[in-house]
Amino acid sequence: MMARLKVTQKKSEIGGTSVQRNTLRSLGLKRIGDTVVKEDRPEIRGMVNRVSHLVVVEEVD
């Protein structure tokens, strides 16, 4: 079974670039405190990396 990532938005996207805002939306995050669980894949890692200053990531089973 593949590992999963729990991604929680901790900061607002206000003041960020449109790329950062679109990345958060693509991850399924709409507001501070929102949490999504995603498969740990390279494309998800890349999206998280792009907005790493706005989110907190934990690995879950």
PDB file of N, CA and C in Angstrom:
ATOM      1  N   MET A   1       0.837  -1.197   0.000  1.00  0.00           N
ATOM      2  CA  MET A   1       0.000   0.000   0.000  1.00  0.00           C
ATOM      3  C   MET A   1       0.873   1.249   0.000  1.00  0.00           C
ATOM      4  N   MET A   2       0.425   2.223  -0.749  1.00  0.00           N
ATOM      5  CA  MET A   2       1.177   3.460  -0.897  1.00  0.00           C
ATOM      6  C   MET A   2       0.968   4.373   0.311  1.00  0.00           C
ATOM      7  N   ALA A   3       2.023   5.078   0.672  1.00  0.00           N
ATOM      8  CA  ALA A   3       1.918   6.036   1.781  1.00  0.00           C
ATOM      9  C   ALA A   3       0.978   7.175   1.378  1.00  0.00           C
ATOM     10  N   ARG A   4       0.458   7.860   2.388  1.00  0.00           N
ATOM     11  CA  ARG A   4      -0.448   8.972   2.126  1.00  0.00           C
ATOM     12  C   ARG A   4       0.064  10.217   2.852  1.00  0.00           C
ATOM     13  N   LEU A   5      -0.263  11.359   2.278  1.00  0.00           N
ATOM     14  CA  LEU A   5       0.137  12.634   2.863  1.00  0.00           C
ATOM     15  C   LEU A   5      -1.098  13.377   3.340  1.00  0.00           C
ATOM     16  N   LYS A   6      -1.049  13.861   4.580  1.00  0.00           N
ATOM     17  CA  LYS A   6      -2.113  14.701   5.121  1.00  0.00           C
ATOM     18  C   LYS A   6      -1.624  16.139   5.004  1.00  0.00           C
ATOM     19  N   VAL A   7      -2.314  16.925   4.184  1.00  0.00           N
ATOM     20  CA  VAL A   7      -1.904  18.301   3.902  1.00  0.00           C
ATOM     21  C   VAL A   7      -2.922  19.250   4.520  1.00  0.00           C
ATOM     22  N   THR A   8      -2.445  20.148   5.379  1.00  0.00           N
ATOM     23  CA  THR A   8      -3.318  21.109   6.052  1.00  0.00           C
ATOM     24  C   THR A   8      -2.864  22.521   5.712  1.00  0.00           C
ATOM     25  N   GLN A   9      -3.817  23.359   5.273  1.00  0.00           N
ATOM     26  CA  GLN A   9      -3.483  24.748   4.962  1.00  0.00           C
ATOM     27  C   GLN A   9      -3.359  25.532   6.256  1.00  0.00           C
ATOM     28  N   LYS A  10      -2.216  26.203   6.452  1.00  0.00           N
ATOM     29  CA  LYS A  10      -1.960  26.951   7.680  1.00  0.00           C
ATOM     30  C   LYS A  10      -1.936  28.459   7.469  1.00  0.00           C
ATOM     31  N   LYS A  11      -1.718  28.888   6.227  1.00  0.00           N
ATOM     32  CA  LYS A  11      -1.661  30.324   5.953  1.00  0.00           C
ATOM     33  C   LYS A  11      -2.544  30.653   4.760  1.00  0.00           C
ATOM     34  N   SER A  12      -2.935  31.915   4.656  1.00  0.00           N
ATOM     35  CA  SER A  12      -3.789  32.374   3.572  1.00  0.00           C
ATOM     36  C   SER A  12      -3.012  32.458   2.263  1.00  0.00           C
ATOM     37  N   GLU A  13      -3.742  32.250   1.158  1.00  0.00           N
ATOM     38  CA  GLU A  13      -3.105  32.415  -0.159  1.00  0.00           C
ATOM     39  C   GLU A  13      -3.110  33.868  -0.611  1.00  0.00           C
ATOM     40  N   ILE A  14      -3.752  34.731   0.161  1.00  0.00           N
ATOM     41  CA  ILE A  14      -3.790  36.154  -0.188  1.00  0.00           C
ATOM     42  C   ILE A  14      -2.368  36.692  -0.250  1.00  0.00           C
ATOM     43  N   GLY A  15      -2.045  37.380  -1.309  1.00  0.00           N
ATOM     44  CA  GLY A  15      -0.695  37.909  -1.492  1.00  0.00           C
ATOM     45  C   GLY A  15       0.215  36.944  -2.219  1.00  0.00           C
ATOM     46  N   GLY A  16      -0.249  35.721  -2.407  1.00  0.00           N
ATOM     47  CA  GLY A  16       0.532  34.746  -3.164  1.00  0.00           C
ATOM     48  C   GLY A  16       0.311  34.935  -4.653  1.00  0.00           C
ATOM     49  N   THR A  17       1.096  34.231  -5.435  1.00  0.00           N
ATOM     50  CA  THR A  17       0.943  34.322  -6.890  1.00  0.00           C
ATOM     51  C   THR A  17      -0.282  33.505  -7.312  1.00  0.00           C
ATOM     52  N   SER A  18      -0.739  33.738  -8.533  1.00  0.00           N
ATOM     53  CA  SER A  18      -1.883  32.971  -9.030  1.00  0.00           C
ATOM     54  C   SER A  18      -1.526  31.489  -9.129  1.00  0.00           C
ATOM     55  N   VAL A  19      -0.268  31.174  -9.398  1.00  0.00           N
ATOM     56  CA  VAL A  19       0.171  29.779  -9.461  1.00  0.00           C
ATOM     57  C   VAL A  19      -0.002  29.119  -8.091  1.00  0.00           C
ATOM     58  N   GLN A  20       0.368  29.842  -7.035  1.00  0.00           N
ATOM     59  CA  GLN A  20       0.229  29.296  -5.678  1.00  0.00           C
ATOM     60  C   GLN A  20      -1.239  29.108  -5.319  1.00  0.00           C
ATOM     61  N   ARG A  21      -2.076  30.081  -5.662  1.00  0.00           N
ATOM     62  CA  ARG A  21      -3.506  29.966  -5.372  1.00  0.00           C
ATOM     63  C   ARG A  21      -4.116  28.790  -6.126  1.00  0.00           C
ATOM     64  N   ASN A  22      -3.745  28.642  -7.399  1.00  0.00           N
ATOM     65  CA  ASN A  22      -4.273  27.532  -8.201  1.00  0.00           C
ATOM     66  C   ASN A  22      -3.784  26.189  -7.686  1.00  0.00           C
ATOM     67  N   THR A  23      -2.555  26.141  -7.185  1.00  0.00           N
ATOM     68  CA  THR A  23      -2.002  24.900  -6.639  1.00  0.00           C
ATOM     69  C   THR A  23      -2.780  24.478  -5.398  1.00  0.00           C
ATOM     70  N   LEU A  24      -3.061  25.435  -4.503  1.00  0.00           N
ATOM     71  CA  LEU A  24      -3.862  25.119  -3.309  1.00  0.00           C
ATOM     72  C   LEU A  24      -5.233  24.592  -3.718  1.00  0.00           C
ATOM     73  N   ARG A  25      -5.852  25.240  -4.701  1.00  0.00           N
ATOM     74  CA  ARG A  25      -7.176  24.828  -5.147  1.00  0.00           C
ATOM     75  C   ARG A  25      -7.120  23.425  -5.751  1.00  0.00           C
ATOM     76  N   SER A  26      -6.060  23.129  -6.506  1.00  0.00           N
ATOM     77  CA  SER A  26      -5.905  21.807  -7.114  1.00  0.00           C
ATOM     78  C   SER A  26      -5.724  20.720  -6.055  1.00  0.00           C
ATOM     79  N   LEU A  27      -5.097  21.084  -4.939  1.00  0.00           N
ATOM     80  CA  LEU A  27      -4.939  20.133  -3.843  1.00  0.00           C
ATOM     81  C   LEU A  27      -6.254  19.934  -3.090  1.00  0.00           C
ATOM     82  N   GLY A  28      -7.227  20.824  -3.333  1.00  0.00           N
ATOM     83  CA  GLY A  28      -8.518  20.708  -2.670  1.00  0.00           C
ATOM     84  C   GLY A  28      -8.616  21.558  -1.419  1.00  0.00           C
ATOM     85  N   LEU A  29      -7.694  22.516  -1.251  1.00  0.00           N
ATOM     86  CA  LEU A  29      -7.690  23.384  -0.069  1.00  0.00           C
ATOM     87  C   LEU A  29      -8.331  24.726  -0.415  1.00  0.00           C
ATOM     88  N   LYS A  30      -9.325  25.123   0.371  1.00  0.00           N
ATOM     89  CA  LYS A  30     -10.028  26.372   0.082  1.00  0.00           C
ATOM     90  C   LYS A  30      -9.830  27.430   1.156  1.00  0.00           C
ATOM     91  N   ARG A  31      -9.578  26.992   2.400  1.00  0.00           N
ATOM     92  CA  ARG A  31      -9.450  27.972   3.483  1.00  0.00           C
ATOM     93  C   ARG A  31      -8.478  27.461   4.538  1.00  0.00           C
ATOM     94  N   ILE A  32      -8.033  28.365   5.397  1.00  0.00           N
ATOM     95  CA  ILE A  32      -7.120  28.004   6.469  1.00  0.00           C
ATOM     96  C   ILE A  32      -7.783  26.953   7.352  1.00  0.00           C
ATOM     97  N   GLY A  33      -7.043  25.914   7.664  1.00  0.00           N
ATOM     98  CA  GLY A  33      -7.566  24.847   8.498  1.00  0.00           C
ATOM     99  C   GLY A  33      -8.082  23.661   7.709  1.00  0.00           C
ATOM    100  N   ASP A  34      -8.283  23.825   6.407  1.00  0.00           N
ATOM    101  CA  ASP A  34      -8.719  22.705   5.567  1.00  0.00           C
ATOM    102  C   ASP A  34      -7.637  21.633   5.524  1.00  0.00           C
ATOM    103  N   THR A  35      -8.056  20.372   5.551  1.00  0.00           N
ATOM    104  CA  THR A  35      -7.130  19.250   5.492  1.00  0.00           C
ATOM    105  C   THR A  35      -7.584  18.271   4.421  1.00  0.00           C
ATOM    106  N   VAL A  36      -6.644  17.798   3.618  1.00  0.00           N
ATOM    107  CA  VAL A  36      -6.922  16.749   2.635  1.00  0.00           C
ATOM    108  C   VAL A  36      -5.887  15.652   2.794  1.00  0.00           C
ATOM    109  N   VAL A  37      -6.266  14.432   2.417  1.00  0.00           N
ATOM    110  CA  VAL A  37      -5.320  13.312   2.427  1.00  0.00           C
ATOM    111  C   VAL A  37      -5.124  12.878   0.987  1.00  0.00           C
ATOM    112  N   LYS A  38      -3.875  12.871   0.536  1.00  0.00           N
ATOM    113  CA  LYS A  38      -3.544  12.546  -0.852  1.00  0.00           C
ATOM    114  C   LYS A  38      -2.546  11.404  -0.894  1.00  0.00           C
ATOM    115  N   GLU A  39      -2.548  10.655  -1.993  1.00  0.00           N
ATOM    116  CA  GLU A  39      -1.529   9.631  -2.206  1.00  0.00           C
ATOM    117  C   GLU A  39      -0.165  10.309  -2.316  1.00  0.00           C
ATOM    118  N   ASP A  40       0.858   9.644  -1.796  1.00  0.00           N
ATOM    119  CA  ASP A  40       2.222  10.182  -1.855  1.00  0.00           C
ATOM    120  C   ASP A  40       2.821   9.857  -3.219  1.00  0.00           C
ATOM    121  N   ARG A  41       2.599  10.762  -4.181  1.00  0.00           N
ATOM    122  CA  ARG A  41       3.121  10.584  -5.527  1.00  0.00           C
ATOM    123  C   ARG A  41       3.988  11.787  -5.873  1.00  0.00           C
ATOM    124  N   PRO A  42       4.884  11.641  -6.838  1.00  0.00           N
ATOM    125  CA  PRO A  42       5.779  12.762  -7.194  1.00  0.00           C
ATOM    126  C   PRO A  42       5.028  14.043  -7.563  1.00  0.00           C
ATOM    127  N   GLU A  43       3.898  13.917  -8.279  1.00  0.00           N
ATOM    128  CA  GLU A  43       3.184  15.129  -8.691  1.00  0.00           C
ATOM    129  C   GLU A  43       2.544  15.834  -7.502  1.00  0.00           C
ATOM    130  N   ILE A  44       2.086  15.064  -6.510  1.00  0.00           N
ATOM    131  CA  ILE A  44       1.527  15.667  -5.294  1.00  0.00           C
ATOM    132  C   ILE A  44       2.650  16.311  -4.486  1.00  0.00           C
ATOM    133  N   ARG A  45       3.792  15.610  -4.382  1.00  0.00           N
ATOM    134  CA  ARG A  45       4.957  16.178  -3.683  1.00  0.00           C
ATOM    135  C   ARG A  45       5.368  17.510  -4.305  1.00  0.00           C
ATOM    136  N   GLY A  46       5.345  17.589  -5.622  1.00  0.00           N
ATOM    137  CA  GLY A  46       5.714  18.824  -6.313  1.00  0.00           C
ATOM    138  C   GLY A  46       4.756  19.958  -6.004  1.00  0.00           C
ATOM    139  N   MET A  47       3.456  19.643  -5.968  1.00  0.00           N
ATOM    140  CA  MET A  47       2.451  20.665  -5.662  1.00  0.00           C
ATOM    141  C   MET A  47       2.637  21.165  -4.229  1.00  0.00           C
ATOM    142  N   VAL A  48       2.878  20.217  -3.304  1.00  0.00           N
ATOM    143  CA  VAL A  48       3.078  20.580  -1.901  1.00  0.00           C
ATOM    144  C   VAL A  48       4.341  21.427  -1.758  1.00  0.00           C
ATOM    145  N   ASN A  49       5.379  21.047  -2.502  1.00  0.00           N
ATOM    146  CA  ASN A  49       6.643  21.777  -2.439  1.00  0.00           C
ATOM    147  C   ASN A  49       6.477  23.223  -2.890  1.00  0.00           C
ATOM    148  N   ARG A  50       5.615  23.436  -3.880  1.00  0.00           N
ATOM    149  CA  ARG A  50       5.398  24.774  -4.429  1.00  0.00           C
ATOM    150  C   ARG A  50       4.720  25.710  -3.423  1.00  0.00           C
ATOM    151  N   VAL A  51       3.899  25.133  -2.534  1.00  0.00           N
ATOM    152  CA  VAL A  51       3.192  25.953  -1.534  1.00  0.00           C
ATOM    153  C   VAL A  51       3.607  25.547  -0.121  1.00  0.00           C
ATOM    154  N   SER A  52       4.846  25.090   0.038  1.00  0.00           N
ATOM    155  CA  SER A  52       5.302  24.538   1.326  1.00  0.00           C
ATOM    156  C   SER A  52       5.228  25.561   2.456  1.00  0.00           C
ATOM    157  N   HIS A  53       5.307  26.857   2.123  1.00  0.00           N
ATOM    158  CA  HIS A  53       5.249  27.888   3.159  1.00  0.00           C
ATOM    159  C   HIS A  53       3.814  28.149   3.629  1.00  0.00           C
ATOM    160  N   LEU A  54       2.829  27.575   2.942  1.00  0.00           N
ATOM    161  CA  LEU A  54       1.424  27.798   3.290  1.00  0.00           C
ATOM    162  C   LEU A  54       0.778  26.575   3.931  1.00  0.00           C
ATOM    163  N   VAL A  55       1.438  25.425   3.855  1.00  0.00           N
ATOM    164  CA  VAL A  55       0.821  24.186   4.330  1.00  0.00           C
ATOM    165  C   VAL A  55       1.733  23.440   5.291  1.00  0.00           C
ATOM    166  N   VAL A  56       1.119  22.517   6.044  1.00  0.00           N
ATOM    167  CA  VAL A  56       1.847  21.593   6.906  1.00  0.00           C
ATOM    168  C   VAL A  56       1.543  20.189   6.394  1.00  0.00           C
ATOM    169  N   VAL A  57       2.583  19.373   6.257  1.00  0.00           N
ATOM    170  CA  VAL A  57       2.430  18.029   5.689  1.00  0.00           C
ATOM    171  C   VAL A  57       2.821  16.978   6.706  1.00  0.00           C
ATOM    172  N   GLU A  58       1.972  15.942   6.845  1.00  0.00           N
ATOM    173  CA  GLU A  58       2.293  14.801   7.706  1.00  0.00           C
ATOM    174  C   GLU A  58       2.086  13.531   6.895  1.00  0.00           C
ATOM    175  N   GLU A  59       2.900  12.515   7.177  1.00  0.00           N
ATOM    176  CA  GLU A  59       2.689  11.226   6.537  1.00  0.00           C
ATOM    177  C   GLU A  59       1.756  10.405   7.410  1.00  0.00           C
ATOM    178  N   VAL A  60       0.743   9.777   6.787  1.00  0.00           N
ATOM    179  CA  VAL A  60      -0.187   8.923   7.508  1.00  0.00           C
ATOM    180  C   VAL A  60      -0.235   7.564   6.820  1.00  0.00           C
ATOM    181  N   ASP A  61      -0.716   6.558   7.542  1.00  0.00           N
ATOM    182  CA  ASP A  61      -0.812   5.211   6.964  1.00  0.00           C
ATOM    183  C   ASP A  61      -2.213   4.940   6.444  1.00  0.00           C
TER     184      ASP A  61
END
